[in-house]
Amino acid sequence: MSGAPLHVDDRLSGIVPRLRERLRDDAVHPRKGRVRQVVGVVIHAAVDEVRLGEICELVDPKTGRRAKAEVVGIADEEAILVPLGDLTGLSSLTEVIPTGRDLRIPVGPGLLGRVISALGEPLDNAPWPPEGIEGTYPVHAYPPPPLSRVLISEPIQLGVRALDGFLSCARGQRLGIFGEPGVGKSILLADIVRGTDADVAVVALVGERGREVREFVERQLSSEGRARTVIVAATSDRPAIERVKAAYVATTIAEYFRDQGKHVLLAMDNITRFARAQREIGLASGEPPTRRGFPSSLFAALPKLLERSGPGEHGSITGLYSVLTEGDSTLDPVAEELQALLDGHVFLSTDLARRDHFPAIDVLRSRSRLMESIISPEHRAAAGKLRALLARYADVELLLRVGEYEKGSDPIADEAIEKIDRINDFLRQAPSTWETMARTRKRLQEIADEGS
């Protein structure tokens, strides 16, 4: 071989100038790709060096249309993107420009009292950005490490007697509210937001009707309640990715206030529409369906979203998730999965709703898994006694209706029949009203002790 050997320093001296030239060229001419195909709600684009979760700019040179999209998949040397907004105006000439950034939203106390979109933009026509914004948080984040979470030890007031009395919820607990359409899930959540003693409330309206957003803000929330509430809304007409992001953005805002040491109530109405939007994106991206048409990515996304709520190192996020069910919830894979993931479940009854019994909470089917660890022995005894009386009354109700029950044959059934009206009065509560935890416990004890 001729010539002197090439040393490592010589090779580096050739690489460094080329790297500098590449960086300088990227700064002047950003990396670009081109839209290749648009199928349903997803875009296939030929673009190099993108990663999952990265935000790309979509720019159509002919129409001037600009939009953002998120990379949700990579296949056959193409990036699969979902636009954060409407597809109208995009074409085969549309350029795809990677930004190198993930989606982030502004956070700070200035968000209190505001209504924002799933992209962190204002929906209430007030000045933006508001005063009191302290920075940004990533929309996708990891839950706190398990051993950094404080132990759950105290209840949170929800303001609804049936919940605080029979299904007491802890600070940092995650509770599901299950029910068919029309049984009052949204109204119940609004009453809880109004009556809770949490420091801050964050409400996610996912896939709701457009009129319901303004009704929730102006009719169902008091002025005092709105002042400590942040509302994130993505109505049913918005793209699937926005309905998905609404759940993540609301959780991110709740995490910010938790990190400030606050006790936060996160109310999501509803997580079923989050699941359906996630299914829409997954199927359009080419993912095969698994359980009743839902792709496997949904069942990986649910625990990642839900685990972000709960107690933190200082503050806490108490998560209330309404779940839309259709008929037998055991045949609904989303409802079934959520029952396994959450720390309790509240079932709303269509039969009670038909009787004009609101909130239509079926106490006997519902359960708070953490109630026993946060209430006093007196509260536990009173709630247990009245729950037993409700169960016994359900056993003899048919006999009462047909006139076959004989008084004196069962002392517990006699007591249940005697007290059933008072118990039902306790369980009924007019909309837009709330009650303190102390008053709820007192009334519960009075009914349990009556006649003893």
Protein backbone atom coordinates (compact mmCIF):
# COMPACT_ATOMS: atom_id res chain seq x y z
CA MET A 1 0.00 0.00 0.00
CA SER A 2 1.31 3.44 -0.85
CA GLY A 3 1.08 6.63 1.15
CA ALA A 4 1.05 7.32 4.90
CA PRO A 5 -1.77 5.78 7.04
CA LEU A 6 -4.78 7.98 7.80
CA HIS A 7 -4.86 8.86 11.51
CA VAL A 8 -8.06 9.38 13.57
CA ASP A 9 -7.32 13.12 13.85
CA ASP A 10 -7.16 13.36 10.07
CA ARG A 11 -10.56 11.68 9.72
CA LEU A 12 -12.13 14.00 12.32
CA SER A 13 -10.71 17.03 10.56
CA GLY A 14 -12.68 15.99 7.48
CA ILE A 15 -15.93 15.18 9.32
CA VAL A 16 -16.20 18.36 11.40
CA PRO A 17 -16.40 20.77 8.45
CA ARG A 18 -19.06 18.58 6.82
CA LEU A 19 -21.12 18.57 10.05
CA ARG A 20 -20.86 22.34 10.30
CA GLU A 21 -21.99 22.66 6.69
CA ARG A 22 -24.94 20.31 7.36
CA LEU A 23 -26.05 22.27 10.43
CA ARG A 24 -25.73 25.56 8.56
CA ASP A 25 -27.73 24.15 5.65
CA ASP A 26 -30.49 22.86 8.00
CA ALA A 27 -30.76 26.29 9.58
CA VAL A 28 -31.18 28.00 6.22
CA HIS A 29 -33.14 25.24 4.50
CA PRO A 30 -35.20 23.27 7.05
CA ARG A 31 -35.85 19.60 6.41
CA LYS A 32 -38.96 19.21 4.28
CA GLY A 33 -41.12 16.39 3.06
CA ARG A 34 -44.17 16.11 0.87
CA VAL A 35 -47.68 14.77 1.39
CA ARG A 36 -48.08 11.49 -0.50
CA GLN A 37 -51.52 10.35 0.51
CA VAL A 38 -54.48 11.43 2.63
CA VAL A 39 -56.75 8.61 3.85
CA GLY A 40 -59.57 9.42 6.23
CA VAL A 41 -58.10 11.33 9.16
CA VAL A 42 -54.43 10.49 8.53
CA ILE A 43 -51.74 11.83 6.21
CA HIS A 44 -48.94 9.75 4.71
CA ALA A 45 -45.86 11.86 3.98
CA ALA A 46 -42.37 11.25 2.64
CA VAL A 47 -40.21 13.02 5.23
CA ASP A 48 -36.91 12.03 6.78
CA GLU A 49 -35.77 11.97 10.39
CA VAL A 50 -39.04 12.34 12.26
CA ARG A 51 -40.00 10.65 15.51
CA LEU A 52 -43.26 9.58 17.10
CA GLY A 53 -45.04 12.44 18.83
CA GLU A 54 -43.15 15.12 16.90
CA ILE A 55 -45.13 18.11 15.64
CA CYS A 56 -44.78 18.97 11.95
CA GLU A 57 -45.85 22.10 10.09
CA LEU A 58 -48.02 21.57 7.02
CA VAL A 59 -47.64 24.36 4.47
CA ASP A 60 -49.41 24.43 1.11
CA PRO A 61 -47.42 26.72 -1.22
CA LYS A 62 -50.35 27.23 -3.57
CA THR A 63 -53.16 28.11 -1.16
CA GLY A 64 -51.04 29.36 1.72
CA ARG A 65 -52.89 27.03 4.08
CA ARG A 66 -50.89 26.26 7.24
CA ALA A 67 -51.63 23.60 9.84
CA LYS A 68 -49.95 21.39 12.39
CA ALA A 69 -49.86 17.62 12.54
CA GLU A 70 -48.50 15.02 14.92
CA VAL A 71 -46.51 11.97 13.90
CA VAL A 72 -48.43 8.89 15.12
CA GLY A 73 -46.72 6.17 13.09
CA ILE A 74 -43.93 5.28 10.68
CA ALA A 75 -44.38 2.67 7.93
CA ASP A 76 -42.63 1.86 4.64
CA GLU A 77 -40.32 4.86 4.91
CA GLU A 78 -43.31 7.17 5.29
CA ALA A 79 -44.48 9.13 8.30
CA ILE A 80 -48.13 8.79 9.33
CA LEU A 81 -49.47 12.08 10.66
CA VAL A 82 -52.75 13.21 12.15
CA PRO A 83 -53.54 16.91 11.60
CA LEU A 84 -54.26 19.07 14.65
CA GLY A 85 -57.17 20.78 12.95
CA ASP A 86 -59.08 20.67 9.68
CA LEU A 87 -57.72 19.04 6.49
CA THR A 88 -59.45 21.54 4.19
CA GLY A 89 -57.03 23.34 1.87
CA LEU A 90 -54.24 20.74 1.97
CA SER A 91 -53.14 19.10 -1.27
CA SER A 92 -50.51 16.88 -2.84
CA LEU A 93 -48.27 19.96 -2.99
CA THR A 94 -48.37 20.45 0.77
CA GLU A 95 -44.93 20.50 2.35
CA VAL A 96 -44.25 18.76 5.66
CA ILE A 97 -41.69 20.50 7.88
CA PRO A 98 -40.59 18.73 11.09
CA THR A 99 -40.24 21.10 14.06
CA GLY A 100 -38.29 18.81 16.36
CA ARG A 101 -40.73 19.60 19.19
CA ASP A 102 -43.54 17.82 20.98
CA LEU A 103 -46.88 19.48 21.73
CA ARG A 104 -46.67 21.75 24.78
CA ILE A 105 -49.25 24.03 26.37
CA PRO A 106 -48.96 27.18 28.50
CA VAL A 107 -49.60 26.70 32.21
CA GLY A 108 -49.99 29.01 35.16
CA PRO A 109 -52.59 30.48 37.53
CA GLY A 110 -53.76 32.69 34.66
CA LEU A 111 -55.64 29.67 33.26
CA LEU A 112 -58.14 29.73 36.13
CA GLY A 113 -61.56 30.79 34.91
CA ARG A 114 -60.64 30.23 31.27
CA VAL A 115 -62.08 27.95 28.58
CA ILE A 116 -59.42 26.63 26.18
CA SER A 117 -59.21 24.20 23.29
CA ALA A 118 -57.34 20.92 23.10
CA LEU A 119 -54.45 22.82 21.49
CA GLY A 120 -54.16 25.29 24.37
CA GLU A 121 -55.91 28.12 22.54
CA PRO A 122 -58.68 30.36 23.98
CA LEU A 123 -62.35 29.61 23.33
CA ASP A 124 -63.82 32.33 25.54
CA ASN A 125 -62.85 35.44 23.49
CA ALA A 126 -60.81 36.82 26.40
CA PRO A 127 -57.26 38.23 25.90
CA TRP A 128 -54.58 35.67 25.22
CA PRO A 129 -52.14 34.83 26.58
CA PRO A 130 -53.49 35.72 30.01
CA GLU A 131 -51.43 37.16 32.80
CA GLY A 132 -50.01 34.56 35.14
CA ILE A 133 -48.61 32.12 32.56
CA GLU A 134 -45.42 30.65 34.02
CA GLY A 135 -44.18 28.48 31.18
CA THR A 136 -45.19 25.38 29.26
CA TYR A 137 -45.72 21.71 30.10
CA PRO A 138 -45.49 18.77 27.68
CA VAL A 139 -48.87 17.28 26.84
CA HIS A 140 -47.48 13.75 27.08
CA ALA A 141 -45.67 13.02 30.34
CA TYR A 142 -44.89 10.10 32.63
CA PRO A 143 -46.80 9.43 35.87
CA PRO A 144 -44.97 10.09 39.15
CA PRO A 145 -42.77 7.20 40.30
CA PRO A 146 -44.82 4.85 42.49
CA LEU A 147 -42.72 5.28 45.64
CA SER A 148 -42.72 9.08 45.36
CA ARG A 149 -46.49 9.27 45.82
CA VAL A 150 -47.77 10.14 49.28
CA LEU A 151 -50.12 7.64 50.89
CA ILE A 152 -53.83 8.39 50.53
CA SER A 153 -55.17 9.22 53.98
CA GLU A 154 -57.98 11.79 53.89
CA PRO A 155 -61.33 12.22 52.13
CA ILE A 156 -62.24 14.87 49.60
CA GLN A 157 -65.65 16.55 49.80
CA LEU A 158 -67.66 16.10 46.61
CA GLY A 159 -70.78 17.88 47.86
CA VAL A 160 -73.15 15.06 46.85
CA ARG A 161 -74.69 13.23 49.84
CA ALA A 162 -74.95 9.85 48.13
CA LEU A 163 -71.23 9.96 47.31
CA ASP A 164 -69.85 11.51 50.49
CA GLY A 165 -72.07 9.32 52.67
CA PHE A 166 -71.99 5.89 50.99
CA LEU A 167 -69.08 6.12 48.52
CA SER A 168 -66.59 8.43 50.18
CA CYS A 169 -63.76 9.45 47.83
CA ALA A 170 -60.18 10.08 48.91
CA ARG A 171 -57.87 12.86 47.79
CA GLY A 172 -55.94 11.33 44.92
CA GLN A 173 -58.49 8.60 44.18
CA ARG A 174 -59.69 7.79 40.66
CA LEU A 175 -63.41 7.15 40.40
CA GLY A 176 -65.48 6.12 37.36
CA ILE A 177 -69.08 7.27 36.88
CA PHE A 178 -70.79 4.69 34.65
CA GLY A 179 -74.16 5.18 33.00
CA GLU A 180 -76.23 5.01 29.84
CA PRO A 181 -77.17 8.18 27.92
CA GLY A 182 -79.63 10.44 29.71
CA VAL A 183 -79.11 9.33 33.33
CA GLY A 184 -77.40 12.54 34.46
CA LYS A 185 -73.64 11.95 34.27
CA SER A 186 -72.82 15.49 33.11
CA ILE A 187 -75.11 17.14 35.67
CA LEU A 188 -73.61 15.03 38.45
CA LEU A 189 -70.08 16.06 37.44
CA ALA A 190 -71.13 19.73 37.36
CA ASP A 191 -72.62 19.42 40.86
CA ILE A 192 -69.39 17.84 42.09
CA VAL A 193 -67.25 20.61 40.59
CA ARG A 194 -69.50 23.14 42.32
CA GLY A 195 -69.52 21.41 45.71
CA THR A 196 -65.99 20.05 46.06
CA ASP A 197 -63.51 21.44 48.56
CA ALA A 198 -60.60 20.89 46.14
CA ASP A 199 -58.32 23.89 45.59
CA VAL A 200 -58.62 23.76 41.79
CA ALA A 201 -60.93 21.96 39.36
CA VAL A 202 -59.96 21.05 35.79
CA VAL A 203 -62.81 19.91 33.53
CA ALA A 204 -62.31 18.10 30.21
CA LEU A 205 -65.35 18.15 27.91
CA VAL A 206 -64.45 15.50 25.34
CA GLY A 207 -66.71 15.10 22.32
CA GLU A 208 -69.59 17.04 23.87
CA ARG A 209 -72.26 18.85 21.86
CA GLY A 210 -71.34 22.45 21.13
CA ARG A 211 -74.28 23.92 23.06
CA GLU A 212 -73.37 21.92 26.16
CA VAL A 213 -70.06 23.72 26.59
CA ARG A 214 -71.69 27.12 27.09
CA GLU A 215 -74.46 25.59 29.22
CA PHE A 216 -71.85 24.02 31.48
CA VAL A 217 -69.92 27.27 31.84
CA GLU A 218 -72.81 29.69 32.31
CA ARG A 219 -75.62 27.61 33.85
CA GLN A 220 -74.10 24.68 35.70
CA LEU A 221 -71.08 26.45 37.19
CA SER A 222 -71.45 29.24 39.72
CA SER A 223 -69.25 32.33 39.39
CA GLU A 224 -67.28 31.18 42.43
CA GLY A 225 -66.85 27.71 40.96
CA ARG A 226 -65.72 29.04 37.60
CA ALA A 227 -63.07 31.25 39.23
CA ARG A 228 -61.18 28.15 40.39
CA THR A 229 -61.88 26.01 37.33
CA VAL A 230 -60.11 25.47 34.01
CA ILE A 231 -62.23 24.02 31.20
CA VAL A 232 -60.71 22.19 28.22
CA ALA A 233 -63.22 21.54 25.44
CA ALA A 234 -63.12 19.58 22.18
CA THR A 235 -66.63 19.26 20.78
CA SER A 236 -67.91 16.32 18.76
CA ASP A 237 -67.28 18.07 15.42
CA ARG A 238 -63.55 18.50 16.09
CA PRO A 239 -61.04 16.04 14.58
CA ALA A 240 -60.38 12.84 16.49
CA ILE A 241 -56.87 13.94 17.48
CA GLU A 242 -58.30 17.02 19.23
CA ARG A 243 -60.76 14.90 21.18
CA VAL A 244 -57.85 12.73 22.28
CA LYS A 245 -55.65 15.70 23.13
CA ALA A 246 -58.39 17.30 25.25
CA ALA A 247 -57.99 14.49 27.79
CA TYR A 248 -54.20 14.83 27.81
CA VAL A 249 -54.23 18.64 27.98
CA ALA A 250 -56.64 18.67 30.93
CA THR A 251 -54.45 16.11 32.72
CA THR A 252 -51.36 18.22 32.00
CA ILE A 253 -52.98 21.34 33.49
CA ALA A 254 -54.01 19.32 36.56
CA GLU A 255 -50.39 18.15 36.89
CA TYR A 256 -49.15 21.73 36.90
CA PHE A 257 -51.42 22.71 39.80
CA ARG A 258 -50.56 19.46 41.62
CA ASP A 259 -46.88 20.33 41.31
CA GLN A 260 -47.67 23.62 43.08
CA GLY A 261 -48.92 21.60 46.07
CA LYS A 262 -52.62 22.02 45.25
CA HIS A 263 -55.36 19.43 45.67
CA VAL A 264 -56.90 19.21 42.18
CA LEU A 265 -60.19 17.72 41.02
CA LEU A 266 -59.93 16.45 37.43
CA ALA A 267 -63.38 15.79 35.93
CA MET A 268 -63.47 14.18 32.48
CA ASP A 269 -66.75 13.96 30.56
CA ASN A 270 -66.35 11.52 29.05
CA ILE A 271 -63.54 9.04 28.65
CA THR A 272 -65.58 6.80 26.33
CA ARG A 273 -65.40 9.45 23.60
CA PHE A 274 -61.65 9.64 24.18
CA ALA A 275 -61.53 5.88 23.54
CA ARG A 276 -63.63 6.15 20.40
CA ALA A 277 -61.43 8.93 19.02
CA GLN A 278 -58.34 6.85 19.78
CA ARG A 279 -59.95 3.94 17.90
CA GLU A 280 -60.68 6.20 14.92
CA ILE A 281 -57.03 7.23 14.71
CA GLY A 282 -55.68 3.72 15.24
CA LEU A 283 -57.85 2.10 12.59
CA ALA A 284 -57.15 4.89 10.06
CA SER A 285 -53.42 4.42 10.68
CA GLY A 286 -53.67 0.76 9.69
CA GLU A 287 -53.73 -0.80 13.16
CA PRO A 288 -55.78 -4.03 13.30
CA PRO A 289 -58.83 -4.13 15.60
CA THR A 290 -58.74 -6.48 18.58
CA ARG A 291 -61.52 -6.29 21.19
CA ARG A 292 -64.88 -5.35 19.61
CA GLY A 293 -63.23 -3.13 17.02
CA PHE A 294 -60.87 -1.32 19.39
CA PRO A 295 -57.15 -1.49 18.53
CA SER A 296 -54.64 -2.68 21.09
CA SER A 297 -53.07 0.80 21.32
CA LEU A 298 -56.16 2.03 23.18
CA PHE A 299 -55.69 -0.48 25.99
CA ALA A 300 -52.08 0.69 26.29
CA ALA A 301 -53.09 4.38 26.26
CA LEU A 302 -55.78 4.13 28.98
CA PRO A 303 -53.47 3.22 31.91
CA LYS A 304 -50.87 5.75 30.75
CA LEU A 305 -53.51 8.49 30.88
CA LEU A 306 -55.18 7.39 34.12
CA GLU A 307 -51.96 6.79 36.06
CA ARG A 308 -51.03 10.44 35.65
CA SER A 309 -53.74 11.34 38.15
CA GLY A 310 -53.58 10.34 41.80
CA PRO A 311 -51.42 11.56 44.69
CA GLY A 312 -48.11 13.21 43.96
CA GLU A 313 -45.14 14.06 46.11
CA HIS A 314 -46.90 17.16 47.47
CA GLY A 315 -50.36 17.81 45.96
CA SER A 316 -52.87 15.39 44.48
CA ILE A 317 -55.16 14.88 41.49
CA THR A 318 -58.53 13.31 42.26
CA GLY A 319 -59.80 11.94 38.94
CA LEU A 320 -63.51 11.56 38.14
CA TYR A 321 -64.12 9.94 34.75
CA SER A 322 -67.61 9.56 33.34
CA VAL A 323 -68.05 6.40 31.26
CA LEU A 324 -70.79 6.01 28.66
CA THR A 325 -72.22 2.49 28.69
CA GLU A 326 -74.69 0.77 26.38
CA GLY A 327 -76.74 -1.99 27.96
CA ASP A 328 -74.69 -4.62 29.79
CA SER A 329 -71.38 -2.99 30.69
CA THR A 330 -69.71 -6.41 30.89
CA LEU A 331 -69.93 -6.55 27.08
CA ASP A 332 -68.31 -3.11 26.73
CA PRO A 333 -64.51 -3.54 26.58
CA VAL A 334 -63.84 0.11 27.50
CA ALA A 335 -66.12 0.04 30.56
CA GLU A 336 -64.71 -3.34 31.57
CA GLU A 337 -61.12 -2.11 31.27
CA LEU A 338 -61.87 1.07 33.24
CA GLN A 339 -63.47 -0.86 36.10
CA ALA A 340 -60.19 -2.75 36.45
CA LEU A 341 -58.02 0.37 36.27
CA LEU A 342 -59.94 2.77 38.51
CA ASP A 343 -60.15 2.91 42.32
CA GLY A 344 -63.92 2.72 42.43
CA HIS A 345 -67.03 2.80 40.31
CA VAL A 346 -70.33 4.68 40.61
CA PHE A 347 -73.18 3.19 38.58
CA LEU A 348 -76.09 5.39 37.53
CA SER A 349 -79.42 3.59 37.13
CA THR A 350 -81.89 4.14 34.30
CA ASP A 351 -84.62 2.76 36.57
CA LEU A 352 -83.93 5.44 39.20
CA ALA A 353 -83.80 8.11 36.49
CA ARG A 354 -87.23 7.01 35.24
CA ARG A 355 -88.54 7.48 38.79
CA ASP A 356 -87.14 11.05 38.82
CA HIS A 357 -84.65 10.01 41.50
CA PHE A 358 -81.57 12.18 40.93
CA PRO A 359 -78.71 11.77 41.20
CA ALA A 360 -79.59 8.30 39.92
CA ILE A 361 -76.81 6.55 41.85
CA ASP A 362 -77.31 2.83 42.40
CA VAL A 363 -75.64 2.61 45.81
CA LEU A 364 -75.78 -1.19 46.01
CA ARG A 365 -73.91 -1.68 42.70
CA SER A 366 -71.38 1.07 43.37
CA ARG A 367 -68.21 0.83 45.42
CA SER A 368 -65.36 3.09 46.53
CA ARG A 369 -62.30 0.93 47.06
CA LEU A 370 -60.57 3.43 49.37
CA MET A 371 -63.54 4.43 51.52
CA GLU A 372 -62.66 2.08 54.39
CA SER A 373 -59.22 3.66 54.84
CA ILE A 374 -60.33 7.30 55.06
CA ILE A 375 -63.54 7.40 57.14
CA SER A 376 -64.17 7.16 60.88
CA PRO A 377 -65.49 3.98 62.53
CA GLU A 378 -68.79 5.78 63.25
CA HIS A 379 -69.21 6.76 59.61
CA ARG A 380 -68.33 3.23 58.50
CA ALA A 381 -70.90 1.69 60.85
CA ALA A 382 -73.70 4.09 59.83
CA ALA A 383 -73.06 3.69 56.09
CA GLY A 384 -72.81 -0.09 56.43
CA LYS A 385 -76.08 -0.32 58.33
CA LEU A 386 -78.02 1.79 55.82
CA ARG A 387 -76.49 -0.10 52.90
CA ALA A 388 -77.68 -3.34 54.50
CA LEU A 389 -81.17 -1.88 54.93
CA LEU A 390 -81.24 -0.87 51.25
CA ALA A 391 -80.25 -4.40 50.26
CA ARG A 392 -82.92 -5.97 52.45
CA TYR A 393 -85.60 -3.63 51.11
CA ALA A 394 -84.62 -4.62 47.56
CA ASP A 395 -85.15 -8.26 48.58
CA VAL A 396 -88.72 -7.70 49.85
CA GLU A 397 -89.84 -4.92 47.49
CA LEU A 398 -91.71 -7.29 45.16
CA LEU A 399 -93.52 -8.89 48.11
CA LEU A 400 -94.59 -5.42 49.28
CA ARG A 401 -95.97 -4.55 45.86
CA VAL A 402 -98.14 -7.66 45.66
CA GLY A 403 -99.19 -7.43 49.32
CA GLU A 404 -97.52 -10.67 50.40
CA TYR A 405 -95.13 -9.29 53.03
CA GLU A 406 -96.13 -9.88 56.67
CA LYS A 407 -94.93 -7.27 59.11
CA GLY A 408 -92.99 -8.77 62.01
CA SER A 409 -91.66 -11.74 60.07
CA ASP A 410 -88.22 -10.09 59.60
CA PRO A 411 -87.05 -7.33 62.01
CA ILE A 412 -84.38 -6.04 59.60
CA ALA A 413 -86.87 -5.90 56.73
CA ASP A 414 -89.31 -4.07 59.03
CA GLU A 415 -86.66 -1.46 59.82
CA ALA A 416 -85.77 -1.14 56.12
CA ILE A 417 -89.43 -0.54 55.20
CA GLU A 418 -89.78 2.01 57.99
CA LYS A 419 -86.68 3.97 56.98
CA ILE A 420 -86.73 3.65 53.20
CA ASP A 421 -88.36 7.05 52.63
CA ARG A 422 -85.80 8.82 54.80
CA ILE A 423 -82.95 6.98 53.09
CA ASN A 424 -84.27 7.93 49.64
CA ASP A 425 -84.67 11.55 50.74
CA PHE A 426 -81.04 11.46 51.81
CA LEU A 427 -79.97 10.00 48.47
CA ARG A 428 -82.00 12.49 46.41
CA GLN A 429 -80.46 15.91 45.88
CA ALA A 430 -81.69 18.79 43.74
CA PRO A 431 -79.37 19.88 40.89
CA SER A 432 -77.12 22.88 41.55
CA THR A 433 -77.09 22.19 45.30
CA TRP A 434 -74.34 20.82 47.47
CA GLU A 435 -73.77 19.86 51.09
CA THR A 436 -70.74 19.82 53.36
CA MET A 437 -69.13 16.57 54.39
CA ALA A 438 -69.86 17.28 58.06
CA ARG A 439 -73.57 17.82 57.43
CA THR A 440 -73.75 14.68 55.29
CA ARG A 441 -72.19 12.56 58.05
CA LYS A 442 -74.55 14.01 60.64
CA ARG A 443 -77.66 13.24 58.57
CA LEU A 444 -76.39 9.74 57.80
CA GLN A 445 -75.84 9.06 61.50
CA GLU A 446 -79.26 10.39 62.45
CA ILE A 447 -81.03 8.01 60.05
CA ALA A 448 -78.92 5.05 61.22
CA ASP A 449 -79.57 5.80 64.94
CA GLU A 450 -83.29 6.48 64.57
CA GLY A 451 -85.32 3.94 66.53
CA SER A 452 -82.23 2.33 68.09
